[in-house]
Protein backbone atom coordinates (compact mmCIF):
# COMPACT_ATOMS: atom_id res chain seq x y z
CA MET A 1 33.77 49.26 16.94
CA ASN A 2 30.78 48.63 18.80
CA THR A 3 30.98 44.97 20.23
CA GLU A 4 27.27 44.98 20.99
CA ARG A 5 26.26 45.32 17.12
CA GLY A 6 29.23 42.70 16.13
CA GLY A 7 27.64 40.13 18.83
CA ASN A 8 24.23 40.68 17.06
CA HIS A 9 25.67 40.23 13.74
CA ILE A 10 27.37 36.89 14.39
CA ALA A 11 24.38 35.67 16.43
CA GLY A 12 22.28 36.72 13.25
CA LEU A 13 24.76 34.66 11.05
CA ALA A 14 24.74 31.74 13.08
CA ALA A 15 20.66 31.67 13.09
CA LEU A 16 20.85 32.13 9.37
CA ARG A 17 23.24 29.23 9.01
CA TRP A 18 21.28 26.82 11.11
CA ALA A 19 18.03 27.53 9.27
CA PHE A 20 19.75 27.10 6.07
CA ASP A 21 21.72 23.81 7.18
CA SER A 22 18.46 22.32 9.15
CA ALA A 23 16.51 22.61 5.56
CA PHE A 24 18.69 19.70 4.62
CA VAL A 25 18.40 17.67 7.64
CA LEU A 26 14.83 18.06 9.06
CA PRO A 27 12.30 15.87 7.06
CA PRO A 28 10.07 17.84 4.87
CA ARG A 29 6.79 18.97 6.71
CA ILE A 30 3.77 17.21 5.27
CA PRO A 31 0.40 18.33 5.91
CA VAL A 32 -1.36 16.24 8.60
CA SER A 33 -4.26 15.67 6.21
CA ALA A 34 -2.04 14.16 3.48
CA GLU A 35 -2.69 10.28 3.09
CA ALA A 36 0.23 8.25 1.51
CA VAL A 37 -1.38 5.90 -1.16
CA LEU A 38 -0.01 3.72 -3.80
CA ALA A 39 -1.49 3.96 -7.45
CA VAL A 40 -1.56 0.19 -8.71
CA ARG A 41 -3.05 -1.80 -11.66
CA VAL A 42 -4.61 -4.92 -10.75
CA GLY A 43 -5.40 -6.55 -14.19
CA ASN A 44 -5.84 -3.91 -16.31
CA GLN A 45 -7.98 -1.96 -13.86
CA PRO A 46 -6.65 1.23 -11.76
CA PHE A 47 -6.75 1.17 -8.08
CA ILE A 48 -5.41 2.81 -4.67
CA ILE A 49 -4.01 1.13 -1.91
CA ARG A 50 -3.38 3.09 1.51
CA VAL A 51 0.11 2.79 2.73
CA ALA A 52 -0.87 2.77 6.19
CA ASP A 53 -2.38 -0.77 5.74
CA LEU A 54 0.97 -2.29 4.28
CA ALA A 55 4.04 -3.52 5.88
CA GLY A 56 5.97 -3.23 2.66
CA LEU A 57 6.30 -3.45 -1.11
CA ARG A 58 8.08 -5.89 -3.13
CA THR A 59 8.96 -7.14 -6.33
CA GLY A 60 10.40 -10.33 -7.86
CA LEU A 61 9.36 -12.78 -5.14
CA SER A 62 10.22 -16.43 -6.06
CA ILE A 63 6.92 -18.16 -5.65
CA GLU A 64 6.60 -21.81 -4.68
CA THR A 65 3.20 -23.19 -5.70
CA LEU A 66 1.47 -25.55 -3.35
CA PRO A 67 -1.74 -27.36 -3.75
CA SER A 68 -4.86 -25.54 -2.58
CA ALA A 69 -8.62 -25.46 -2.74
CA MET A 70 -8.33 -21.74 -2.93
CA PRO A 71 -7.76 -20.47 -6.76
CA GLU A 72 -6.54 -17.18 -5.22
CA PHE A 73 -3.72 -18.92 -3.31
CA LEU A 74 -0.46 -18.63 -5.82
CA GLY A 75 1.94 -20.51 -3.17
CA VAL A 76 4.56 -19.48 -0.57
CA ALA A 77 7.49 -17.21 -0.89
CA ASN A 78 10.79 -16.96 1.33
CA LEU A 79 10.80 -13.28 2.70
CA ARG A 80 14.22 -12.98 4.45
CA GLY A 81 13.63 -16.23 6.20
CA THR A 82 9.94 -16.01 6.64
CA ILE A 83 7.51 -18.16 4.63
CA VAL A 84 4.78 -15.98 3.61
CA PRO A 85 1.60 -16.98 1.97
CA VAL A 86 1.18 -15.12 -1.54
CA TYR A 87 -2.57 -14.46 -3.10
CA ASP A 88 -3.61 -13.22 -6.36
CA LEU A 89 -5.16 -9.90 -5.75
CA ALA A 90 -6.92 -9.89 -9.15
CA ALA A 91 -8.66 -13.10 -8.23
CA LEU A 92 -9.69 -11.82 -4.81
CA LEU A 93 -11.24 -8.68 -6.54
CA GLY A 94 -12.87 -10.70 -9.01
CA HIS A 95 -10.54 -9.61 -11.92
CA GLU A 96 -8.41 -11.50 -14.51
CA ARG A 97 -4.92 -11.17 -14.24
CA SER A 98 -3.31 -9.80 -17.49
CA SER A 99 0.30 -11.03 -16.87
CA LYS A 100 2.32 -12.92 -14.18
CA PRO A 101 2.29 -10.62 -11.25
CA ARG A 102 5.81 -9.03 -10.65
CA TRP A 103 4.67 -6.76 -7.37
CA PHE A 104 3.66 -7.95 -3.98
CA ALA A 105 1.80 -5.67 -1.35
CA LEU A 106 2.87 -7.06 1.93
CA ALA A 107 -0.21 -6.69 4.06
CA ALA A 108 -0.03 -5.77 7.83
CA GLY A 109 -2.22 -7.97 9.65
CA ALA A 110 -2.00 -10.76 12.32
CA GLY A 111 0.73 -12.44 9.96
CA LEU A 112 2.49 -11.24 6.89
CA THR A 113 0.55 -11.81 3.71
CA ALA A 114 1.72 -11.05 0.15
CA LEU A 115 -0.78 -9.58 -2.30
CA ALA A 116 0.38 -10.28 -5.99
CA PHE A 117 -0.43 -7.51 -8.46
CA ASP A 118 0.39 -6.38 -12.01
CA ALA A 119 1.95 -3.04 -11.71
CA PHE A 120 2.89 -0.25 -9.40
CA GLU A 121 2.35 3.12 -10.80
CA ALA A 122 3.09 5.70 -8.31
CA HIS A 123 3.59 6.81 -4.49
CA LEU A 124 1.19 9.65 -4.25
CA ARG A 125 0.12 12.03 -1.07
CA LEU A 126 -3.46 12.72 -1.20
CA GLU A 127 -4.49 15.89 0.62
CA ALA A 128 -8.11 15.79 1.28
CA ALA A 129 -8.92 14.12 -2.14
CA PRO A 130 -12.65 13.58 -2.75
CA VAL A 131 -13.59 10.27 -2.19
CA ILE A 132 -16.32 9.59 -4.58
CA ASP A 133 -18.91 6.85 -4.12
CA ALA A 134 -17.95 6.47 -0.35
CA ASP A 135 -21.08 4.56 0.33
CA ALA A 136 -20.37 2.11 -2.53
CA VAL A 137 -18.79 -0.79 -0.84
CA GLU A 138 -18.42 -3.95 -3.05
CA GLY A 139 -18.27 -6.64 -0.27
CA THR A 140 -15.41 -5.71 2.26
CA ARG A 141 -12.71 -5.49 -0.28
CA LEU A 142 -13.33 -2.00 -1.86
CA ARG A 143 -14.29 1.15 -0.29
CA GLY A 144 -15.16 3.99 -2.50
CA ALA A 145 -13.07 5.67 -5.42
CA VAL A 146 -10.76 8.50 -5.76
CA ARG A 147 -10.31 10.87 -8.99
CA ILE A 148 -6.52 11.50 -9.50
CA ASP A 149 -5.53 13.23 -12.66
CA GLY A 150 -8.75 12.43 -14.48
CA ILE A 151 -8.69 8.57 -13.59
CA VAL A 152 -11.01 7.30 -11.26
CA ARG A 153 -9.44 4.76 -8.89
CA ARG A 154 -11.19 2.56 -6.59
CA VAL A 155 -9.68 2.14 -3.17
CA ILE A 156 -8.56 -1.34 -1.86
CA HIS A 157 -9.44 -2.07 1.61
CA ILE A 158 -6.60 -4.27 2.65
CA PRO A 159 -8.13 -5.51 5.89
CA GLY A 160 -11.32 -6.36 3.96
CA VAL A 161 -9.06 -8.46 1.59
CA LEU A 162 -7.43 -10.12 4.50
CA THR A 163 -10.82 -10.99 5.93
CA THR A 164 -11.93 -12.54 2.61
CA ILE A 165 -8.78 -14.40 2.63
CA ALA A 166 -9.61 -15.87 6.10
CA GLU A 167 -13.41 -16.71 5.08
CA ARG A 168 -12.34 -18.42 1.99
CA ALA A 169 -9.64 -20.52 3.62
CA GLN A 170 -11.76 -21.50 6.35
CA ALA A 171 -14.47 -22.45 3.71
CA ALA A 172 -11.99 -24.47 1.64
CA THR A 173 -11.04 -26.69 4.90
CA LEU A 174 -14.39 -27.26 6.13
CA PRO A 175 -15.39 -30.89 5.53
CA ARG A 176 -18.07 -31.94 3.02
CA GLU A 177 -21.38 -33.26 4.12
CA ARG A 178 -22.10 -36.54 2.41
């Protein structure tokens, strides 16, 4: 028996075994151009939220209502020992809420902010999806739209939503002139 041939055979089997085993250990390869998004419903309208703009997604937070001059402010929630303000995303976008919000997008920003919305539909990876009406910006809260499976979903711009909250909070706390 030729030992050189046997050594190559064993090395080849080891390489094949490593390739097979590593397919279950290594994370799947995702194209660099793919962007993770959440398909959601705010009121009865379909939207997209970029995952990169979020710190997390929760359901079933218990909201403690507090008095506020801002109708979009729902109250506060205890999130693992941190008190987080909760805002109605439908009201911030100018829509009526269809039901009591069940889902909460945790917006990444200067502090944690929860944005309540009606329904989570899917976690998607968009690979260079064509953005339609990219120039159509409604204030700072919406940036264009994406067509997915025949449904046009407007893109919620979370940094713009947080800016709107800050502006409305400041306006609500300004003393009124007599």
